[in-house]
Amino acid sequence: MKRFDFPLERVRRWRREQAGLEELKLQQFRAEMAGLQVAQRQIETERAQSEQQVLTQDYIDPLLLESLDSYRQFTAGKVRHLEGRKQQWEVKIQEQLNKVIEARRKFELLERLRKSAFDEWQAAVNKEQEELAAELFLAKSQRKR
């Protein structure tokens, strides 16, 4: 019996590589989103520390309060900008997730076809071995007679 050969093996391997690449892109997108979240938390933490530092002083200079208010507005603008970028990345992540699902689906389809073809090949090999064993048994029993 000849060895197992799946005619679509190259396509199956290519689909597996494509799925891996799409998953890698998804990881990169999620890392970018995580970086934006870290940046936002850092801005918010720095703003809270600045407010705490100013408001815990015994004497608060009105100029310092004005500067604090300007800083709050500045950080609020940065946070809004980061929120907008996060929303853009959320859309990209969702689109990439759909691509990953589609790439996996295409690979798994070929994987199921390969398994089915292998099972059929294995059944044929087993049948051929059984027939060969039966022929050998008959030949051996006829020689004994």
N, C-alpha and C. Protein backbone atom coordinates (compact mmCIF):
# COMPACT_ATOMS: atom_id res chain seq x y z
N MET A 1 0.85 -1.19 0.00
CA MET A 1 0.00 0.00 0.00
C MET A 1 0.89 1.24 0.00
N LYS A 2 0.49 2.24 -0.75
CA LYS A 2 1.27 3.47 -0.80
C LYS A 2 1.03 4.29 0.47
N ARG A 3 1.96 5.18 0.74
CA ARG A 3 1.86 6.01 1.94
C ARG A 3 0.72 7.03 1.79
N PHE A 4 0.28 7.55 2.92
CA PHE A 4 -0.81 8.51 2.92
C PHE A 4 -0.35 9.82 2.29
N ASP A 5 -1.17 10.33 1.38
CA ASP A 5 -0.87 11.61 0.72
C ASP A 5 -2.16 12.41 0.63
N PHE A 6 -2.17 13.57 1.30
CA PHE A 6 -3.33 14.45 1.27
C PHE A 6 -3.08 15.50 0.19
N PRO A 7 -3.89 15.53 -0.86
CA PRO A 7 -3.62 16.43 -1.99
C PRO A 7 -3.64 17.92 -1.62
N LEU A 8 -4.34 18.27 -0.56
CA LEU A 8 -4.46 19.67 -0.17
C LEU A 8 -3.54 20.03 1.01
N GLU A 9 -2.49 19.24 1.20
CA GLU A 9 -1.60 19.45 2.34
C GLU A 9 -0.93 20.83 2.31
N ARG A 10 -0.49 21.25 1.14
CA ARG A 10 0.14 22.57 1.05
C ARG A 10 -0.85 23.67 1.41
N VAL A 11 -2.06 23.53 0.95
CA VAL A 11 -3.10 24.53 1.25
C VAL A 11 -3.41 24.50 2.74
N ARG A 12 -3.47 23.32 3.33
CA ARG A 12 -3.74 23.18 4.77
C ARG A 12 -2.65 23.86 5.60
N ARG A 13 -1.39 23.63 5.23
CA ARG A 13 -0.28 24.27 5.94
C ARG A 13 -0.34 25.79 5.78
N TRP A 14 -0.67 26.24 4.56
CA TRP A 14 -0.76 27.67 4.32
C TRP A 14 -1.88 28.28 5.15
N ARG A 15 -3.01 27.59 5.23
CA ARG A 15 -4.13 28.08 6.05
C ARG A 15 -3.74 28.15 7.52
N ARG A 16 -2.98 27.15 7.98
CA ARG A 16 -2.53 27.16 9.37
C ARG A 16 -1.62 28.36 9.62
N GLU A 17 -0.72 28.65 8.69
CA GLU A 17 0.17 29.80 8.82
C GLU A 17 -0.63 31.11 8.81
N GLN A 18 -1.62 31.18 7.94
CA GLN A 18 -2.46 32.38 7.87
C GLN A 18 -3.20 32.59 9.20
N ALA A 19 -3.73 31.52 9.75
CA ALA A 19 -4.42 31.63 11.04
C ALA A 19 -3.45 32.11 12.11
N GLY A 20 -2.24 31.60 12.10
CA GLY A 20 -1.23 32.03 13.06
C GLY A 20 -0.88 33.50 12.90
N LEU A 21 -0.76 33.95 11.66
CA LEU A 21 -0.46 35.37 11.42
C LEU A 21 -1.60 36.27 11.89
N GLU A 22 -2.82 35.85 11.62
CA GLU A 22 -3.97 36.65 12.06
C GLU A 22 -4.04 36.71 13.58
N GLU A 23 -3.72 35.60 14.25
CA GLU A 23 -3.71 35.59 15.71
C GLU A 23 -2.60 36.49 16.25
N LEU A 24 -1.46 36.50 15.57
CA LEU A 24 -0.36 37.37 15.98
C LEU A 24 -0.76 38.84 15.85
N LYS A 25 -1.43 39.19 14.76
CA LYS A 25 -1.91 40.56 14.59
C LYS A 25 -2.88 40.93 15.71
N LEU A 26 -3.76 39.99 16.06
CA LEU A 26 -4.73 40.25 17.13
C LEU A 26 -4.00 40.51 18.45
N GLN A 27 -2.96 39.73 18.73
CA GLN A 27 -2.18 39.96 19.95
C GLN A 27 -1.53 41.33 19.94
N GLN A 28 -1.03 41.74 18.77
CA GLN A 28 -0.40 43.06 18.67
C GLN A 28 -1.44 44.16 18.90
N PHE A 29 -2.62 43.99 18.33
CA PHE A 29 -3.68 44.99 18.53
C PHE A 29 -4.07 45.07 20.01
N ARG A 30 -4.17 43.92 20.65
CA ARG A 30 -4.52 43.91 22.08
C ARG A 30 -3.42 44.55 22.91
N ALA A 31 -2.16 44.34 22.52
CA ALA A 31 -1.05 44.97 23.23
C ALA A 31 -1.11 46.49 23.08
N GLU A 32 -1.46 46.96 21.89
CA GLU A 32 -1.60 48.40 21.66
C GLU A 32 -2.72 48.95 22.54
N MET A 33 -3.83 48.23 22.62
CA MET A 33 -4.95 48.67 23.47
C MET A 33 -4.52 48.71 24.94
N ALA A 34 -3.77 47.70 25.36
CA ALA A 34 -3.30 47.68 26.74
C ALA A 34 -2.37 48.86 27.02
N GLY A 35 -1.55 49.21 26.04
CA GLY A 35 -0.67 50.37 26.20
C GLY A 35 -1.46 51.66 26.35
N LEU A 36 -2.52 51.79 25.59
CA LEU A 36 -3.38 52.98 25.72
C LEU A 36 -4.05 53.02 27.09
N GLN A 37 -4.46 51.86 27.59
CA GLN A 37 -5.10 51.81 28.90
C GLN A 37 -4.10 52.19 30.00
N VAL A 38 -2.87 51.71 29.86
CA VAL A 38 -1.83 52.05 30.84
C VAL A 38 -1.56 53.56 30.80
N ALA A 39 -1.47 54.12 29.60
CA ALA A 39 -1.22 55.55 29.47
C ALA A 39 -2.36 56.35 30.11
N GLN A 40 -3.58 55.92 29.90
CA GLN A 40 -4.72 56.62 30.49
C GLN A 40 -4.69 56.54 32.01
N ARG A 41 -4.41 55.36 32.54
CA ARG A 41 -4.33 55.22 34.00
C ARG A 41 -3.21 56.08 34.57
N GLN A 42 -2.10 56.15 33.86
CA GLN A 42 -0.97 56.95 34.31
C GLN A 42 -1.34 58.43 34.35
N ILE A 43 -2.01 58.92 33.33
CA ILE A 43 -2.44 60.33 33.29
C ILE A 43 -3.39 60.61 34.45
N GLU A 44 -4.35 59.70 34.65
CA GLU A 44 -5.32 59.90 35.72
C GLU A 44 -4.66 59.86 37.10
N THR A 45 -3.69 58.98 37.26
CA THR A 45 -2.97 58.89 38.53
C THR A 45 -2.16 60.15 38.79
N GLU A 46 -1.45 60.62 37.76
CA GLU A 46 -0.67 61.85 37.90
C GLU A 46 -1.57 63.04 38.23
N ARG A 47 -2.72 63.11 37.59
CA ARG A 47 -3.65 64.20 37.87
C ARG A 47 -4.14 64.13 39.32
N ALA A 48 -4.49 62.94 39.77
CA ALA A 48 -4.98 62.79 41.15
C ALA A 48 -3.88 63.14 42.15
N GLN A 49 -2.63 62.74 41.85
CA GLN A 49 -1.53 63.07 42.75
C GLN A 49 -1.30 64.58 42.81
N SER A 50 -1.39 65.23 41.65
CA SER A 50 -1.21 66.68 41.61
C SER A 50 -2.30 67.37 42.42
N GLU A 51 -3.54 66.95 42.24
CA GLU A 51 -4.65 67.53 42.99
C GLU A 51 -4.45 67.32 44.49
N GLN A 52 -4.06 66.12 44.85
CA GLN A 52 -3.85 65.79 46.27
C GLN A 52 -2.74 66.66 46.84
N GLN A 53 -1.68 66.80 46.08
CA GLN A 53 -0.53 67.59 46.55
C GLN A 53 -0.92 69.06 46.76
N VAL A 54 -1.67 69.62 45.86
CA VAL A 54 -2.07 71.02 45.96
C VAL A 54 -3.10 71.21 47.08
N LEU A 55 -4.07 70.31 47.14
CA LEU A 55 -5.17 70.50 48.09
C LEU A 55 -4.79 70.18 49.54
N THR A 56 -3.68 69.52 49.76
CA THR A 56 -3.27 69.21 51.14
C THR A 56 -2.35 70.28 51.73
N GLN A 57 -2.03 71.29 50.96
CA GLN A 57 -1.18 72.37 51.47
C GLN A 57 -1.98 73.23 52.45
N ASP A 58 -1.26 73.85 53.41
CA ASP A 58 -1.90 74.73 54.39
C ASP A 58 -2.44 75.99 53.73
N TYR A 59 -1.66 76.55 52.84
CA TYR A 59 -2.05 77.77 52.14
C TYR A 59 -2.06 77.46 50.64
N ILE A 60 -3.15 77.79 49.98
CA ILE A 60 -3.27 77.51 48.55
C ILE A 60 -3.26 78.84 47.81
N ASP A 61 -2.26 78.99 46.99
CA ASP A 61 -2.13 80.19 46.17
C ASP A 61 -3.17 80.14 45.05
N PRO A 62 -3.92 81.20 44.82
CA PRO A 62 -4.93 81.20 43.75
C PRO A 62 -4.32 80.91 42.37
N LEU A 63 -3.09 81.34 42.16
CA LEU A 63 -2.42 81.06 40.90
C LEU A 63 -2.18 79.55 40.74
N LEU A 64 -1.88 78.93 41.86
CA LEU A 64 -1.67 77.47 41.84
C LEU A 64 -2.98 76.75 41.53
N LEU A 65 -4.10 77.24 42.07
CA LEU A 65 -5.40 76.65 41.76
C LEU A 65 -5.74 76.82 40.28
N GLU A 66 -5.39 77.97 39.73
CA GLU A 66 -5.64 78.21 38.32
C GLU A 66 -4.79 77.26 37.47
N SER A 67 -3.55 77.05 37.88
CA SER A 67 -2.67 76.12 37.17
C SER A 67 -3.20 74.69 37.28
N LEU A 68 -3.70 74.35 38.45
CA LEU A 68 -4.27 73.01 38.65
C LEU A 68 -5.49 72.81 37.75
N ASP A 69 -6.33 73.84 37.64
CA ASP A 69 -7.49 73.74 36.78
C ASP A 69 -7.06 73.58 35.31
N SER A 70 -6.05 74.32 34.90
CA SER A 70 -5.54 74.19 33.53
C SER A 70 -4.99 72.78 33.30
N TYR A 71 -4.30 72.28 34.31
CA TYR A 71 -3.75 70.92 34.20
C TYR A 71 -4.87 69.88 34.10
N ARG A 72 -5.94 70.07 34.88
CA ARG A 72 -7.09 69.17 34.80
C ARG A 72 -7.70 69.17 33.39
N GLN A 73 -7.86 70.36 32.84
CA GLN A 73 -8.41 70.46 31.49
C GLN A 73 -7.48 69.81 30.46
N PHE A 74 -6.18 70.04 30.64
CA PHE A 74 -5.21 69.44 29.73
C PHE A 74 -5.28 67.91 29.80
N THR A 75 -5.28 67.37 31.02
CA THR A 75 -5.32 65.91 31.17
C THR A 75 -6.66 65.35 30.71
N ALA A 76 -7.74 66.10 30.91
CA ALA A 76 -9.05 65.64 30.43
C ALA A 76 -9.04 65.54 28.91
N GLY A 77 -8.40 66.50 28.25
CA GLY A 77 -8.27 66.45 26.79
C GLY A 77 -7.45 65.25 26.35
N LYS A 78 -6.37 64.98 27.07
CA LYS A 78 -5.54 63.81 26.73
C LYS A 78 -6.33 62.51 26.94
N VAL A 79 -7.10 62.46 28.01
CA VAL A 79 -7.90 61.26 28.28
C VAL A 79 -8.95 61.08 27.19
N ARG A 80 -9.61 62.17 26.77
CA ARG A 80 -10.59 62.08 25.68
C ARG A 80 -9.92 61.59 24.39
N HIS A 81 -8.74 62.10 24.12
CA HIS A 81 -8.00 61.65 22.94
C HIS A 81 -7.69 60.15 23.03
N LEU A 82 -7.24 59.72 24.20
CA LEU A 82 -6.95 58.29 24.39
C LEU A 82 -8.21 57.44 24.28
N GLU A 83 -9.32 57.96 24.79
CA GLU A 83 -10.59 57.23 24.67
C GLU A 83 -10.97 57.05 23.20
N GLY A 84 -10.78 58.11 22.42
CA GLY A 84 -11.07 58.00 20.98
C GLY A 84 -10.18 56.97 20.30
N ARG A 85 -8.91 56.98 20.64
CA ARG A 85 -7.99 55.99 20.07
C ARG A 85 -8.36 54.57 20.53
N LYS A 86 -8.75 54.45 21.79
CA LYS A 86 -9.17 53.13 22.28
C LYS A 86 -10.39 52.62 21.52
N GLN A 87 -11.33 53.50 21.23
CA GLN A 87 -12.50 53.09 20.46
C GLN A 87 -12.10 52.63 19.06
N GLN A 88 -11.15 53.35 18.44
CA GLN A 88 -10.66 52.93 17.13
C GLN A 88 -10.01 51.54 17.21
N TRP A 89 -9.22 51.33 18.25
CA TRP A 89 -8.56 50.03 18.41
C TRP A 89 -9.58 48.93 18.73
N GLU A 90 -10.63 49.28 19.46
CA GLU A 90 -11.66 48.28 19.72
C GLU A 90 -12.30 47.80 18.42
N VAL A 91 -12.54 48.73 17.50
CA VAL A 91 -13.10 48.37 16.20
C VAL A 91 -12.10 47.48 15.44
N LYS A 92 -10.83 47.89 15.45
CA LYS A 92 -9.81 47.09 14.76
C LYS A 92 -9.69 45.71 15.38
N ILE A 93 -9.75 45.65 16.70
CA ILE A 93 -9.65 44.35 17.38
C ILE A 93 -10.82 43.47 17.00
N GLN A 94 -12.01 44.03 16.96
CA GLN A 94 -13.19 43.23 16.60
C GLN A 94 -13.07 42.73 15.16
N GLU A 95 -12.63 43.60 14.26
CA GLU A 95 -12.44 43.19 12.87
C GLU A 95 -11.39 42.09 12.77
N GLN A 96 -10.29 42.26 13.52
CA GLN A 96 -9.23 41.26 13.50
C GLN A 96 -9.70 39.95 14.12
N LEU A 97 -10.50 40.03 15.15
CA LEU A 97 -11.05 38.83 15.76
C LEU A 97 -11.90 38.06 14.75
N ASN A 98 -12.67 38.79 13.96
CA ASN A 98 -13.46 38.14 12.90
C ASN A 98 -12.54 37.48 11.87
N LYS A 99 -11.43 38.13 11.54
CA LYS A 99 -10.47 37.53 10.61
C LYS A 99 -9.85 36.27 11.19
N VAL A 100 -9.54 36.30 12.48
CA VAL A 100 -8.97 35.13 13.15
C VAL A 100 -9.96 33.97 13.12
N ILE A 101 -11.20 34.26 13.43
CA ILE A 101 -12.23 33.22 13.43
C ILE A 101 -12.38 32.62 12.04
N GLU A 102 -12.41 33.47 11.02
CA GLU A 102 -12.54 32.99 9.65
C GLU A 102 -11.33 32.16 9.22
N ALA A 103 -10.13 32.61 9.59
CA ALA A 103 -8.91 31.87 9.23
C ALA A 103 -8.88 30.51 9.94
N ARG A 104 -9.27 30.49 11.21
CA ARG A 104 -9.33 29.21 11.94
C ARG A 104 -10.37 28.28 11.31
N ARG A 105 -11.51 28.85 10.92
CA ARG A 105 -12.57 28.04 10.33
C ARG A 105 -12.08 27.39 9.03
N LYS A 106 -11.40 28.17 8.20
CA LYS A 106 -10.89 27.63 6.94
C LYS A 106 -9.84 26.54 7.19
N PHE A 107 -8.97 26.76 8.18
CA PHE A 107 -7.96 25.75 8.51
C PHE A 107 -8.63 24.49 9.05
N GLU A 108 -9.58 24.66 9.96
CA GLU A 108 -10.23 23.50 10.57
C GLU A 108 -11.02 22.70 9.55
N LEU A 109 -11.57 23.37 8.54
CA LEU A 109 -12.26 22.65 7.47
C LEU A 109 -11.28 21.71 6.75
N LEU A 110 -10.13 22.24 6.40
CA LEU A 110 -9.13 21.40 5.73
C LEU A 110 -8.59 20.32 6.67
N GLU A 111 -8.49 20.65 7.94
CA GLU A 111 -8.02 19.65 8.91
C GLU A 111 -9.03 18.49 9.01
N ARG A 112 -10.32 18.81 9.01
CA ARG A 112 -11.33 17.75 9.03
C ARG A 112 -11.29 16.92 7.75
N LEU A 113 -11.10 17.59 6.61
CA LEU A 113 -10.98 16.86 5.34
C LEU A 113 -9.77 15.93 5.37
N ARG A 114 -8.67 16.42 5.91
CA ARG A 114 -7.46 15.60 6.00
C ARG A 114 -7.70 14.40 6.91
N LYS A 115 -8.33 14.62 8.04
CA LYS A 115 -8.60 13.52 8.97
C LYS A 115 -9.52 12.49 8.33
N SER A 116 -10.53 12.97 7.62
CA SER A 116 -11.44 12.05 6.94
C SER A 116 -10.70 11.23 5.88
N ALA A 117 -9.85 11.89 5.11
CA ALA A 117 -9.07 11.18 4.09
C ALA A 117 -8.12 10.19 4.74
N PHE A 118 -7.51 10.57 5.87
CA PHE A 118 -6.60 9.67 6.56
C PHE A 118 -7.35 8.46 7.10
N ASP A 119 -8.53 8.69 7.66
CA ASP A 119 -9.33 7.57 8.19
C ASP A 119 -9.70 6.60 7.07
N GLU A 120 -10.07 7.13 5.91
CA GLU A 120 -10.38 6.26 4.76
C GLU A 120 -9.15 5.48 4.32
N TRP A 121 -8.00 6.15 4.26
CA TRP A 121 -6.75 5.50 3.88
C TRP A 121 -6.41 4.40 4.89
N GLN A 122 -6.56 4.71 6.18
CA GLN A 122 -6.24 3.73 7.23
C GLN A 122 -7.16 2.52 7.13
N ALA A 123 -8.44 2.74 6.84
CA ALA A 123 -9.38 1.63 6.67
C ALA A 123 -8.96 0.76 5.48
N ALA A 124 -8.53 1.39 4.40
CA ALA A 124 -8.08 0.64 3.22
C ALA A 124 -6.82 -0.16 3.53
N VAL A 125 -5.91 0.42 4.28
CA VAL A 125 -4.68 -0.29 4.68
C VAL A 125 -5.04 -1.49 5.54
N ASN A 126 -5.93 -1.28 6.51
CA ASN A 126 -6.33 -2.38 7.38
C ASN A 126 -7.00 -3.50 6.59
N LYS A 127 -7.86 -3.13 5.64
CA LYS A 127 -8.54 -4.13 4.82
C LYS A 127 -7.52 -4.91 3.99
N GLU A 128 -6.55 -4.18 3.41
CA GLU A 128 -5.53 -4.84 2.60
C GLU A 128 -4.70 -5.80 3.46
N GLN A 129 -4.37 -5.41 4.65
CA GLN A 129 -3.60 -6.29 5.55
C GLN A 129 -4.41 -7.52 5.94
N GLU A 130 -5.70 -7.33 6.20
CA GLU A 130 -6.54 -8.47 6.53
C GLU A 130 -6.63 -9.45 5.36
N GLU A 131 -6.78 -8.90 4.16
CA GLU A 131 -6.86 -9.77 2.97
C GLU A 131 -5.55 -10.51 2.76
N LEU A 132 -4.43 -9.82 2.98
CA LEU A 132 -3.13 -10.45 2.83
C LEU A 132 -2.95 -11.54 3.88
N ALA A 133 -3.36 -11.25 5.10
CA ALA A 133 -3.24 -12.25 6.16
C ALA A 133 -4.12 -13.46 5.85
N ALA A 134 -5.32 -13.22 5.32
CA ALA A 134 -6.20 -14.34 4.96
C ALA A 134 -5.60 -15.17 3.84
N GLU A 135 -5.01 -14.52 2.84
CA GLU A 135 -4.37 -15.25 1.74
C GLU A 135 -3.19 -16.07 2.26
N LEU A 136 -2.39 -15.49 3.14
CA LEU A 136 -1.25 -16.23 3.70
C LEU A 136 -1.74 -17.43 4.52
N PHE A 137 -2.80 -17.22 5.27
CA PHE A 137 -3.33 -18.32 6.06
C PHE A 137 -3.81 -19.46 5.16
N LEU A 138 -4.54 -19.09 4.08
CA LEU A 138 -5.03 -20.11 3.14
C LEU A 138 -3.87 -20.82 2.45
N ALA A 139 -2.87 -20.06 2.04
CA ALA A 139 -1.71 -20.66 1.37
C ALA A 139 -0.97 -21.59 2.31
N LYS A 140 -0.84 -21.21 3.56
CA LYS A 140 -0.13 -22.04 4.54
C LYS A 140 -0.93 -23.31 4.82
N SER A 141 -2.25 -23.19 4.93
CA SER A 141 -3.09 -24.38 5.21
C SER A 141 -3.11 -25.32 4.01
N GLN A 142 -3.00 -24.78 2.79
CA GLN A 142 -2.97 -25.65 1.60
C GLN A 142 -1.64 -26.36 1.50
N ARG A 143 -0.54 -25.71 1.91
CA ARG A 143 0.77 -26.36 1.90
C ARG A 143 0.83 -27.52 2.87
N LYS A 144 0.15 -27.41 3.99
CA LYS A 144 0.17 -28.45 4.99
C LYS A 144 -0.57 -29.69 4.48
N ARG A 145 -1.52 -29.51 3.58
CA ARG A 145 -2.30 -30.64 3.06
C ARG A 145 -1.46 -31.35 2.09
